N, C-alpha and C. Protein backbone atom coordinates (compact mmCIF):
# COMPACT_ATOMS: atom_id res chain seq x y z
N MET A 1 41.17 103.43 81.92
CA MET A 1 40.66 104.35 82.91
C MET A 1 39.14 104.33 82.82
N ALA A 2 38.49 103.98 83.88
CA ALA A 2 37.03 103.97 83.92
C ALA A 2 36.53 105.27 84.56
N ILE A 3 35.47 105.81 84.01
CA ILE A 3 34.84 107.02 84.55
C ILE A 3 33.39 106.70 84.83
N GLU A 4 32.95 107.02 86.03
CA GLU A 4 31.56 106.77 86.40
C GLU A 4 30.63 107.77 85.73
N ALA A 5 29.40 107.36 85.51
CA ALA A 5 28.39 108.25 84.92
C ALA A 5 28.23 109.48 85.79
N GLY A 6 28.17 110.64 85.15
CA GLY A 6 27.98 111.89 85.87
C GLY A 6 29.27 112.57 86.28
N ILE A 7 30.40 111.90 86.11
CA ILE A 7 31.70 112.46 86.46
C ILE A 7 32.34 113.02 85.19
N SER A 8 32.87 114.23 85.27
CA SER A 8 33.53 114.84 84.10
C SER A 8 34.82 114.10 83.78
N ALA A 9 35.06 113.91 82.50
CA ALA A 9 36.31 113.29 82.05
C ALA A 9 37.45 114.27 82.23
N PRO A 10 38.66 113.78 82.46
CA PRO A 10 39.80 114.69 82.55
C PRO A 10 40.06 115.35 81.20
N ASP A 11 40.56 116.57 81.23
CA ASP A 11 40.84 117.28 79.98
C ASP A 11 42.06 116.67 79.30
N PHE A 12 42.02 116.58 77.98
CA PHE A 12 43.16 116.10 77.21
C PHE A 12 43.07 116.68 75.81
N THR A 13 44.16 116.61 75.08
CA THR A 13 44.24 117.14 73.73
C THR A 13 44.54 116.01 72.76
N LEU A 14 43.82 115.99 71.64
CA LEU A 14 44.04 115.02 70.57
C LEU A 14 44.05 115.76 69.24
N ALA A 15 44.47 115.10 68.19
CA ALA A 15 44.42 115.68 66.85
C ALA A 15 43.05 115.41 66.25
N SER A 16 42.48 116.44 65.62
CA SER A 16 41.20 116.30 64.94
C SER A 16 41.39 115.55 63.62
N HIS A 17 40.29 115.31 62.92
CA HIS A 17 40.39 114.64 61.62
C HIS A 17 41.15 115.49 60.60
N GLU A 18 41.31 116.80 60.90
CA GLU A 18 42.10 117.69 60.05
C GLU A 18 43.51 117.90 60.61
N ASN A 19 43.88 117.05 61.57
CA ASN A 19 45.19 117.07 62.23
C ASN A 19 45.44 118.35 63.02
N GLU A 20 44.38 119.02 63.46
CA GLU A 20 44.49 120.20 64.32
C GLU A 20 44.28 119.77 65.76
N PRO A 21 45.02 120.34 66.70
CA PRO A 21 44.82 119.98 68.10
C PRO A 21 43.46 120.45 68.60
N ILE A 22 42.79 119.62 69.36
CA ILE A 22 41.51 119.98 69.95
C ILE A 22 41.47 119.44 71.37
N MET A 23 41.02 120.29 72.29
CA MET A 23 40.96 119.91 73.70
C MET A 23 39.53 119.50 74.04
N LEU A 24 39.40 118.50 74.86
CA LEU A 24 38.08 118.05 75.29
C LEU A 24 37.31 119.20 75.93
N SER A 25 37.98 120.04 76.69
CA SER A 25 37.31 121.16 77.37
C SER A 25 36.68 122.14 76.39
N GLU A 26 37.17 122.22 75.15
CA GLU A 26 36.59 123.10 74.13
C GLU A 26 35.21 122.62 73.71
N LEU A 27 34.90 121.37 73.97
CA LEU A 27 33.63 120.78 73.54
C LEU A 27 32.62 120.68 74.68
N ARG A 28 32.98 121.19 75.85
CA ARG A 28 32.10 121.10 77.02
C ARG A 28 30.72 121.67 76.69
N GLY A 29 29.68 120.95 77.11
CA GLY A 29 28.31 121.36 76.86
C GLY A 29 27.72 120.80 75.58
N ASN A 30 28.54 120.10 74.80
CA ASN A 30 28.09 119.49 73.55
C ASN A 30 28.23 117.97 73.65
N PRO A 31 27.39 117.23 72.94
CA PRO A 31 27.58 115.78 72.92
C PRO A 31 28.92 115.45 72.24
N VAL A 32 29.63 114.49 72.80
CA VAL A 32 30.94 114.10 72.27
C VAL A 32 31.00 112.58 72.17
N VAL A 33 31.44 112.08 71.03
CA VAL A 33 31.68 110.65 70.85
C VAL A 33 33.16 110.50 70.51
N LEU A 34 33.86 109.72 71.31
CA LEU A 34 35.28 109.45 71.06
C LEU A 34 35.42 108.05 70.50
N VAL A 35 36.15 107.94 69.40
CA VAL A 35 36.40 106.64 68.78
C VAL A 35 37.91 106.48 68.68
N PHE A 36 38.42 105.41 69.29
CA PHE A 36 39.84 105.13 69.26
C PHE A 36 40.08 103.92 68.38
N HIS A 37 41.04 104.04 67.49
CA HIS A 37 41.45 102.94 66.63
C HIS A 37 42.89 102.60 66.98
N PRO A 38 43.10 101.71 67.95
CA PRO A 38 44.45 101.46 68.45
C PRO A 38 45.42 100.90 67.41
N LEU A 39 44.93 100.31 66.37
CA LEU A 39 45.83 99.73 65.36
C LEU A 39 45.99 100.61 64.14
N SER A 40 45.43 101.81 64.17
CA SER A 40 45.54 102.73 63.02
C SER A 40 46.91 103.34 62.94
């Protein structure tokens, strides 16, 4: 899924490094770096 610059990403939930659910919308207004390790 490609997202153009300036367009908000769709909201989704992932597990944090502490295995707690976190929603992208909870981080709105802060810099966010997403790193996916598909073979982990």
